[in-house]
Amino acid sequence: MLRPGIRQMWSSFGLEMQQPEDVARFIVHCIADSSLDGASLLVALGQATNIEVGLRETMDTWMGEENARESRTVEGAVKAKAVSFPSGGGSLWLAADLVIA
C-alpha cells in the first residue's frame, strides 16, 4: 500500500510501478532455491538482482572499517550456531542485533 500521492509522483516521472506478482514470484523462487538462503534481492521491473555480494564488497565504505570488522567477527561467530528447522526449511541465524528466519 502506497502513501497518498506516491503513485502519482512515481507516474509523473514516467517510472513503472512494482507489480505484486513480480515480488511474489521471487519470494517463491527464494523459498525453492536454498542457495539463496540469506540473500538480499532487489526486485525491480520484473527482475531480481542479488545485491549481497556488492554490499559485502563495499561494507568498509558504507559501514566504516571498525563496524565492518565487528560485523564480520559476529557473522563468523554465529555461522557455527545456525539452528536448522526440523522440516529442513532453512536455517535461523542469530546475530547481535538481527534475527532472520
N, C-alpha and C. Protein backbone atom coordinates (compact mmCIF):
# COMPACT_ATOMS: atom_id res chain seq x y z
N MET A 1 0.85 -1.17 0.00
CA MET A 1 0.00 0.00 0.00
C MET A 1 0.89 1.23 0.00
N LEU A 2 0.69 2.09 -0.96
CA LEU A 2 1.47 3.31 -1.07
C LEU A 2 0.81 4.46 -0.35
N ARG A 3 1.62 5.34 0.19
CA ARG A 3 1.08 6.55 0.82
C ARG A 3 0.43 7.42 -0.24
N PRO A 4 -0.54 8.21 0.15
CA PRO A 4 -1.23 9.08 -0.83
C PRO A 4 -0.21 9.97 -1.55
N GLY A 5 -0.38 10.09 -2.85
CA GLY A 5 0.47 10.95 -3.65
C GLY A 5 1.70 10.26 -4.22
N ILE A 6 2.13 9.16 -3.64
CA ILE A 6 3.34 8.48 -4.11
C ILE A 6 3.11 7.90 -5.50
N ARG A 7 1.99 7.25 -5.71
CA ARG A 7 1.70 6.64 -7.02
C ARG A 7 1.69 7.72 -8.11
N GLN A 8 1.06 8.87 -7.83
CA GLN A 8 1.00 9.94 -8.81
C GLN A 8 2.40 10.50 -9.08
N MET A 9 3.19 10.70 -8.02
CA MET A 9 4.53 11.23 -8.19
C MET A 9 5.38 10.27 -9.02
N TRP A 10 5.31 8.99 -8.70
CA TRP A 10 6.07 7.95 -9.40
C TRP A 10 5.72 7.99 -10.89
N SER A 11 4.41 8.03 -11.17
CA SER A 11 3.94 8.07 -12.55
C SER A 11 4.37 9.35 -13.27
N SER A 12 4.39 10.47 -12.56
CA SER A 12 4.76 11.74 -13.18
C SER A 12 6.21 11.74 -13.67
N PHE A 13 7.04 10.89 -13.09
CA PHE A 13 8.43 10.74 -13.53
C PHE A 13 8.58 9.66 -14.60
N GLY A 14 7.46 9.04 -14.98
CA GLY A 14 7.50 8.01 -16.01
C GLY A 14 8.04 6.68 -15.51
N LEU A 15 8.00 6.48 -14.21
CA LEU A 15 8.53 5.25 -13.62
C LEU A 15 7.44 4.19 -13.54
N GLU A 16 7.81 2.96 -13.77
CA GLU A 16 6.85 1.86 -13.68
C GLU A 16 6.64 1.46 -12.23
N MET A 17 5.43 1.03 -11.93
CA MET A 17 5.10 0.56 -10.59
C MET A 17 5.54 -0.89 -10.44
N GLN A 18 6.04 -1.22 -9.27
CA GLN A 18 6.40 -2.60 -8.95
C GLN A 18 5.12 -3.43 -8.92
N GLN A 19 5.13 -4.56 -9.57
CA GLN A 19 3.95 -5.42 -9.60
C GLN A 19 4.03 -6.46 -8.48
N PRO A 20 2.97 -6.62 -7.70
CA PRO A 20 2.97 -7.59 -6.61
C PRO A 20 3.30 -9.00 -7.11
N GLU A 21 2.88 -9.33 -8.33
CA GLU A 21 3.15 -10.66 -8.87
C GLU A 21 4.65 -10.89 -9.05
N ASP A 22 5.39 -9.85 -9.41
CA ASP A 22 6.84 -9.98 -9.57
C ASP A 22 7.50 -10.28 -8.23
N VAL A 23 7.11 -9.53 -7.22
CA VAL A 23 7.67 -9.75 -5.89
C VAL A 23 7.31 -11.16 -5.41
N ALA A 24 6.05 -11.56 -5.59
CA ALA A 24 5.61 -12.89 -5.16
C ALA A 24 6.39 -13.98 -5.88
N ARG A 25 6.64 -13.80 -7.18
CA ARG A 25 7.38 -14.80 -7.96
C ARG A 25 8.79 -14.98 -7.38
N PHE A 26 9.46 -13.90 -7.00
CA PHE A 26 10.81 -14.02 -6.47
C PHE A 26 10.82 -14.54 -5.04
N ILE A 27 9.76 -14.28 -4.28
CA ILE A 27 9.66 -14.87 -2.94
C ILE A 27 9.58 -16.39 -3.07
N VAL A 28 8.72 -16.87 -3.98
CA VAL A 28 8.60 -18.31 -4.20
C VAL A 28 9.93 -18.88 -4.69
N HIS A 29 10.60 -18.17 -5.58
CA HIS A 29 11.88 -18.62 -6.10
C HIS A 29 12.90 -18.77 -4.97
N CYS A 30 12.93 -17.80 -4.05
CA CYS A 30 13.87 -17.87 -2.92
C CYS A 30 13.55 -19.03 -1.98
N ILE A 31 12.27 -19.30 -1.80
CA ILE A 31 11.87 -20.43 -0.95
C ILE A 31 12.31 -21.74 -1.58
N ALA A 32 12.19 -21.83 -2.90
CA ALA A 32 12.50 -23.08 -3.60
C ALA A 32 14.00 -23.29 -3.81
N ASP A 33 14.79 -22.23 -3.80
CA ASP A 33 16.23 -22.32 -4.09
C ASP A 33 17.02 -22.06 -2.82
N SER A 34 17.47 -23.14 -2.16
CA SER A 34 18.16 -22.99 -0.88
C SER A 34 19.50 -22.26 -1.02
N SER A 35 20.04 -22.15 -2.23
CA SER A 35 21.29 -21.40 -2.39
C SER A 35 21.08 -19.90 -2.16
N LEU A 36 19.82 -19.47 -2.12
CA LEU A 36 19.51 -18.07 -1.87
C LEU A 36 19.22 -17.77 -0.40
N ASP A 37 19.38 -18.77 0.48
CA ASP A 37 19.18 -18.52 1.91
C ASP A 37 20.05 -17.35 2.35
N GLY A 38 19.45 -16.36 2.94
CA GLY A 38 20.18 -15.20 3.44
C GLY A 38 20.49 -14.16 2.39
N ALA A 39 20.12 -14.38 1.15
CA ALA A 39 20.42 -13.42 0.09
C ALA A 39 19.56 -12.16 0.23
N SER A 40 20.11 -11.05 -0.23
CA SER A 40 19.38 -9.80 -0.29
C SER A 40 19.11 -9.52 -1.76
N LEU A 41 17.84 -9.53 -2.13
CA LEU A 41 17.47 -9.32 -3.52
C LEU A 41 16.77 -7.98 -3.68
N LEU A 42 17.14 -7.27 -4.74
CA LEU A 42 16.44 -6.07 -5.14
C LEU A 42 15.55 -6.48 -6.31
N VAL A 43 14.24 -6.32 -6.15
CA VAL A 43 13.30 -6.67 -7.21
C VAL A 43 12.78 -5.38 -7.80
N ALA A 44 13.01 -5.23 -9.13
CA ALA A 44 12.57 -4.03 -9.83
C ALA A 44 12.32 -4.37 -11.29
N LEU A 45 11.22 -3.87 -11.81
CA LEU A 45 10.87 -4.05 -13.21
C LEU A 45 10.87 -5.52 -13.63
N GLY A 46 10.40 -6.38 -12.74
CA GLY A 46 10.27 -7.79 -13.07
C GLY A 46 11.57 -8.57 -13.01
N GLN A 47 12.64 -7.96 -12.55
CA GLN A 47 13.93 -8.61 -12.44
C GLN A 47 14.40 -8.58 -10.99
N ALA A 48 15.16 -9.60 -10.61
CA ALA A 48 15.75 -9.62 -9.27
C ALA A 48 17.26 -9.61 -9.40
N THR A 49 17.90 -8.82 -8.56
CA THR A 49 19.35 -8.74 -8.52
C THR A 49 19.81 -9.05 -7.11
N ASN A 50 20.72 -9.99 -6.97
CA ASN A 50 21.28 -10.32 -5.67
C ASN A 50 22.31 -9.24 -5.35
N ILE A 51 22.01 -8.41 -4.36
CA ILE A 51 22.88 -7.30 -4.01
C ILE A 51 23.82 -7.63 -2.86
N GLU A 52 23.74 -8.85 -2.34
CA GLU A 52 24.54 -9.23 -1.18
C GLU A 52 26.04 -9.11 -1.45
N VAL A 53 26.50 -9.57 -2.61
CA VAL A 53 27.93 -9.52 -2.93
C VAL A 53 28.42 -8.08 -2.93
N GLY A 54 27.68 -7.20 -3.59
CA GLY A 54 28.07 -5.80 -3.62
C GLY A 54 28.07 -5.16 -2.24
N LEU A 55 27.09 -5.51 -1.43
CA LEU A 55 27.05 -4.98 -0.06
C LEU A 55 28.27 -5.44 0.73
N ARG A 56 28.63 -6.71 0.59
CA ARG A 56 29.79 -7.23 1.31
C ARG A 56 31.09 -6.59 0.84
N GLU A 57 31.23 -6.42 -0.48
CA GLU A 57 32.47 -5.87 -1.03
C GLU A 57 32.68 -4.41 -0.65
N THR A 58 31.62 -3.69 -0.38
CA THR A 58 31.73 -2.26 -0.06
C THR A 58 31.44 -1.96 1.41
N MET A 59 31.37 -2.98 2.23
CA MET A 59 30.98 -2.81 3.63
C MET A 59 31.87 -1.81 4.37
N ASP A 60 33.19 -1.85 4.14
CA ASP A 60 34.08 -0.92 4.82
C ASP A 60 33.74 0.53 4.50
N THR A 61 33.27 0.78 3.28
CA THR A 61 32.94 2.14 2.86
C THR A 61 31.67 2.65 3.52
N TRP A 62 30.58 1.89 3.43
CA TRP A 62 29.31 2.41 3.92
C TRP A 62 29.07 2.14 5.40
N MET A 63 29.78 1.19 5.98
CA MET A 63 29.59 0.86 7.38
C MET A 63 30.71 1.43 8.25
N GLY A 64 31.84 1.72 7.62
CA GLY A 64 33.03 2.13 8.36
C GLY A 64 33.87 0.90 8.67
N GLU A 65 35.19 1.06 8.63
CA GLU A 65 36.08 -0.09 8.79
C GLU A 65 35.90 -0.82 10.11
N GLU A 66 35.78 -0.08 11.20
CA GLU A 66 35.65 -0.72 12.52
C GLU A 66 34.34 -1.49 12.64
N ASN A 67 33.23 -0.87 12.21
CA ASN A 67 31.94 -1.56 12.27
C ASN A 67 31.92 -2.77 11.34
N ALA A 68 32.53 -2.65 10.16
CA ALA A 68 32.58 -3.77 9.22
C ALA A 68 33.38 -4.93 9.81
N ARG A 69 34.50 -4.61 10.43
CA ARG A 69 35.31 -5.66 11.07
C ARG A 69 34.51 -6.36 12.17
N GLU A 70 33.80 -5.59 12.98
CA GLU A 70 32.97 -6.16 14.05
C GLU A 70 31.86 -7.03 13.46
N SER A 71 31.24 -6.56 12.38
CA SER A 71 30.18 -7.31 11.72
C SER A 71 30.70 -8.65 11.21
N ARG A 72 31.89 -8.65 10.61
CA ARG A 72 32.48 -9.90 10.10
C ARG A 72 32.77 -10.86 11.26
N THR A 73 33.23 -10.31 12.39
CA THR A 73 33.51 -11.14 13.56
C THR A 73 32.22 -11.78 14.07
N VAL A 74 31.16 -10.99 14.17
CA VAL A 74 29.87 -11.52 14.62
C VAL A 74 29.36 -12.57 13.64
N GLU A 75 29.44 -12.27 12.34
CA GLU A 75 28.98 -13.22 11.34
C GLU A 75 29.72 -14.54 11.43
N GLY A 76 31.03 -14.47 11.58
CA GLY A 76 31.83 -15.70 11.70
C GLY A 76 31.46 -16.49 12.94
N ALA A 77 31.18 -15.79 14.04
CA ALA A 77 30.83 -16.46 15.29
C ALA A 77 29.48 -17.15 15.21
N VAL A 78 28.50 -16.52 14.53
CA VAL A 78 27.16 -17.11 14.51
C VAL A 78 27.01 -18.20 13.45
N LYS A 79 27.90 -18.26 12.48
CA LYS A 79 27.77 -19.30 11.45
C LYS A 79 27.80 -20.69 12.06
N ALA A 80 28.59 -20.87 13.08
CA ALA A 80 28.66 -22.16 13.75
C ALA A 80 27.45 -22.42 14.64
N LYS A 81 26.62 -21.41 14.84
CA LYS A 81 25.46 -21.52 15.73
C LYS A 81 24.15 -21.55 14.98
N ALA A 82 24.15 -21.91 13.72
CA ALA A 82 22.91 -21.97 12.93
C ALA A 82 21.98 -23.02 13.52
N VAL A 83 20.72 -22.70 13.56
CA VAL A 83 19.71 -23.62 14.05
C VAL A 83 18.89 -24.08 12.86
N SER A 84 18.93 -25.35 12.54
CA SER A 84 18.16 -25.87 11.42
C SER A 84 16.76 -26.22 11.87
N PHE A 85 15.79 -25.94 11.00
CA PHE A 85 14.42 -26.32 11.28
C PHE A 85 14.27 -27.81 11.00
N PRO A 86 13.51 -28.54 11.82
CA PRO A 86 13.34 -29.98 11.62
C PRO A 86 12.78 -30.33 10.24
N SER A 87 11.99 -29.45 9.67
CA SER A 87 11.40 -29.74 8.36
C SER A 87 12.40 -29.55 7.23
N GLY A 88 13.59 -29.05 7.55
CA GLY A 88 14.58 -28.79 6.53
C GLY A 88 14.30 -27.51 5.77
N GLY A 89 13.46 -26.64 6.32
CA GLY A 89 13.05 -25.44 5.62
C GLY A 89 13.97 -24.26 5.79
N GLY A 90 15.25 -24.48 5.96
CA GLY A 90 16.18 -23.36 6.05
C GLY A 90 16.86 -23.31 7.39
N SER A 91 17.51 -22.21 7.66
CA SER A 91 18.24 -22.03 8.90
C SER A 91 17.82 -20.74 9.56
N LEU A 92 18.06 -20.66 10.83
CA LEU A 92 17.78 -19.46 11.59
C LEU A 92 19.11 -18.93 12.10
N TRP A 93 19.48 -17.74 11.68
CA TRP A 93 20.75 -17.14 12.09
C TRP A 93 20.46 -16.07 13.14
N LEU A 94 21.18 -16.11 14.22
CA LEU A 94 21.03 -15.11 15.26
C LEU A 94 22.28 -14.25 15.27
N ALA A 95 22.13 -12.95 15.09
CA ALA A 95 23.24 -12.03 15.17
C ALA A 95 22.98 -11.07 16.32
N ALA A 96 23.93 -10.23 16.60
CA ALA A 96 23.84 -9.32 17.75
C ALA A 96 22.57 -8.49 17.73
N ASP A 97 22.21 -7.96 16.57
CA ASP A 97 21.04 -7.08 16.53
C ASP A 97 20.06 -7.44 15.43
N LEU A 98 20.10 -8.68 14.95
CA LEU A 98 19.26 -9.06 13.83
C LEU A 98 18.84 -10.50 13.93
N VAL A 99 17.59 -10.77 13.71
CA VAL A 99 17.10 -12.13 13.65
C VAL A 99 16.42 -12.30 12.30
N ILE A 100 16.91 -13.25 11.50
CA ILE A 100 16.33 -13.52 10.19
C ILE A 100 15.91 -14.97 10.16
N ALA A 101 14.67 -15.22 9.80
CA ALA A 101 14.20 -16.60 9.70
C ALA A 101 13.90 -16.92 8.27
